[in-house]
Each structure stands twice: as structure tokens, then as C-alpha cells.
Amino acid sequence: MNVKVASAFAAMLVIGVGAAFASMAMARIAKAALEGMTRQPEVSRTILTAMLIACALVEALCIYALLVAILLVSK
């Protein structure tokens, strides 16, 4: 197998797995936050802030996967 083909396949796998797990993690974060806001509406602002920070950290991991994929393709 050609090196370029192998690196393209590896990049596809990295970004696919990274995006899939990031989307599942964000869904779980949003679900937990909405359940918390429903149970305790008086702390909904705090829960929303924590949810946004958690989603930003998960998105950063997805961006790292994208960077790894770009590095694999450029080799």
C-alpha cells in the first residue's frame, strides 16, 4: 500500500472517530445539563456556564483530532 493512501486512511479514521466521540460527549453533556436545569431551575445559570465550558473542552479535543489528521495527510 502506498504511504499517501495509508496516511489518508489514517487521517480519515482519526477525524471520524474524534468527531463521533466528541458529538456523543456533547450530547451527554447537554442532556445532563438540561436534566439539572429541570430539577433545579434556580441554579440554571451556573449549570449553563459549566455546560458551555465542558462543551468547549470537548470541542478542543475534536480540533486536536483535526490537527492530527492534517499532519497525517501532509506527510
C-alpha atoms as a PDB file:
ATOM      1  CA  MET A   1       0.000   0.000   0.000  1.00  0.00           C
ATOM      2  CA  ASN A   2       1.224   3.457  -0.857  1.00  0.00           C
ATOM      3  CA  VAL A   3       2.269   5.724   2.021  1.00  0.00           C
ATOM      4  CA  LYS A   4      -0.041   8.508   0.872  1.00  0.00           C
ATOM      5  CA  VAL A   5      -3.014   6.153   0.762  1.00  0.00           C
ATOM      6  CA  ALA A   6      -2.213   4.804   4.211  1.00  0.00           C
ATOM      7  CA  SER A   7      -1.850   8.281   5.691  1.00  0.00           C
ATOM      8  CA  ALA A   8      -5.108   9.415   4.086  1.00  0.00           C
ATOM      9  CA  PHE A   9      -6.888   6.372   5.502  1.00  0.00           C
ATOM     10  CA  ALA A  10      -5.389   7.027   8.957  1.00  0.00           C
ATOM     11  CA  ALA A  11      -6.443  10.686   8.778  1.00  0.00           C
ATOM     12  CA  MET A  12      -9.971   9.657   7.822  1.00  0.00           C
ATOM     13  CA  LEU A  13     -10.091   7.259  10.749  1.00  0.00           C
ATOM     14  CA  VAL A  14      -8.721   9.818  13.228  1.00  0.00           C
ATOM     15  CA  ILE A  15     -11.139  12.587  12.297  1.00  0.00           C
ATOM     16  CA  GLY A  16     -14.088  10.205  12.060  1.00  0.00           C
ATOM     17  CA  VAL A  17     -13.531   8.701  15.492  1.00  0.00           C
ATOM     18  CA  GLY A  18     -12.708  12.066  17.013  1.00  0.00           C
ATOM     19  CA  ALA A  19     -15.825  13.735  15.658  1.00  0.00           C
ATOM     20  CA  ALA A  20     -18.072  10.803  16.578  1.00  0.00           C
ATOM     21  CA  PHE A  21     -16.921  10.657  20.178  1.00  0.00           C
ATOM     22  CA  ALA A  22     -16.989  14.441  20.517  1.00  0.00           C
ATOM     23  CA  SER A  23     -20.592  14.573  19.321  1.00  0.00           C
ATOM     24  CA  MET A  24     -21.596  11.779  21.710  1.00  0.00           C
ATOM     25  CA  ALA A  25     -19.866  13.567  24.585  1.00  0.00           C
ATOM     26  CA  MET A  26     -21.580  16.858  23.783  1.00  0.00           C
ATOM     27  CA  ALA A  27     -24.951  15.126  23.652  1.00  0.00           C
ATOM     28  CA  ARG A  28     -24.378  13.610  27.089  1.00  0.00           C
ATOM     29  CA  ILE A  29     -23.250  16.971  28.474  1.00  0.00           C
ATOM     30  CA  ALA A  30     -26.326  18.737  27.104  1.00  0.00           C
ATOM     31  CA  LYS A  31     -28.655  16.009  28.377  1.00  0.00           C
ATOM     32  CA  ALA A  32     -27.188  16.131  31.868  1.00  0.00           C
ATOM     33  CA  ALA A  33     -27.320  19.933  31.930  1.00  0.00           C
ATOM     34  CA  LEU A  34     -30.937  20.047  30.809  1.00  0.00           C
ATOM     35  CA  GLU A  35     -31.912  17.477  33.419  1.00  0.00           C
ATOM     36  CA  GLY A  36     -30.115  19.508  36.076  1.00  0.00           C
ATOM     37  CA  MET A  37     -31.803  22.713  34.964  1.00  0.00           C
ATOM     38  CA  THR A  38     -35.182  20.991  35.072  1.00  0.00           C
ATOM     39  CA  ARG A  39     -34.617  19.695  38.596  1.00  0.00           C
ATOM     40  CA  GLN A  40     -33.120  22.906  39.981  1.00  0.00           C
ATOM     41  CA  PRO A  41     -34.145  25.954  37.946  1.00  0.00           C
ATOM     42  CA  GLU A  42     -32.621  28.342  40.479  1.00  0.00           C
ATOM     43  CA  VAL A  43     -29.070  27.261  39.574  1.00  0.00           C
ATOM     44  CA  SER A  44     -29.653  27.072  35.828  1.00  0.00           C
ATOM     45  CA  ARG A  45     -27.199  29.896  35.107  1.00  0.00           C
ATOM     46  CA  THR A  46     -24.392  28.041  36.894  1.00  0.00           C
ATOM     47  CA  ILE A  47     -25.254  24.804  35.125  1.00  0.00           C
ATOM     48  CA  LEU A  48     -25.309  26.583  31.763  1.00  0.00           C
ATOM     49  CA  THR A  49     -21.856  28.054  32.400  1.00  0.00           C
ATOM     50  CA  ALA A  50     -20.457  24.656  33.345  1.00  0.00           C
ATOM     51  CA  MET A  51     -22.082  23.087  30.278  1.00  0.00           C
ATOM     52  CA  LEU A  52     -20.559  25.663  27.935  1.00  0.00           C
ATOM     53  CA  ILE A  53     -17.089  25.201  29.428  1.00  0.00           C
ATOM     54  CA  ALA A  54     -17.383  21.416  29.135  1.00  0.00           C
ATOM     55  CA  CYS A  55     -18.549  21.667  25.516  1.00  0.00           C
ATOM     56  CA  ALA A  56     -15.639  23.976  24.705  1.00  0.00           C
ATOM     57  CA  LEU A  57     -13.160  21.478  26.148  1.00  0.00           C
ATOM     58  CA  VAL A  58     -14.705  18.630  24.163  1.00  0.00           C
ATOM     59  CA  GLU A  59     -14.593  20.745  21.016  1.00  0.00           C
ATOM     60  CA  ALA A  60     -10.910  21.405  21.663  1.00  0.00           C
ATOM     61  CA  LEU A  61     -10.300  17.653  21.643  1.00  0.00           C
ATOM     62  CA  CYS A  62     -12.088  17.426  18.291  1.00  0.00           C
ATOM     63  CA  ILE A  63      -9.889  20.198  16.933  1.00  0.00           C
ATOM     64  CA  TYR A  64      -6.805  18.287  18.129  1.00  0.00           C
ATOM     65  CA  ALA A  65      -8.041  15.271  16.164  1.00  0.00           C
ATOM     66  CA  LEU A  66      -8.388  17.516  13.115  1.00  0.00           C
ATOM     67  CA  LEU A  67      -4.826  18.761  13.554  1.00  0.00           C
ATOM     68  CA  VAL A  68      -3.533  15.193  13.791  1.00  0.00           C
ATOM     69  CA  ALA A  69      -5.444  14.336  10.611  1.00  0.00           C
ATOM     70  CA  ILE A  70      -3.958  17.332   8.816  1.00  0.00           C
ATOM     71  CA  LEU A  71      -0.460  16.320   9.939  1.00  0.00           C
ATOM     72  CA  LEU A  72      -1.036  12.770   8.695  1.00  0.00           C
ATOM     73  CA  VAL A  73      -2.170  13.976   5.276  1.00  0.00           C
ATOM     74  CA  SER A  74       0.699  16.419   4.907  1.00  0.00           C
ATOM     75  CA  LYS A  75       3.335  13.687   5.408  1.00  0.00           C
END
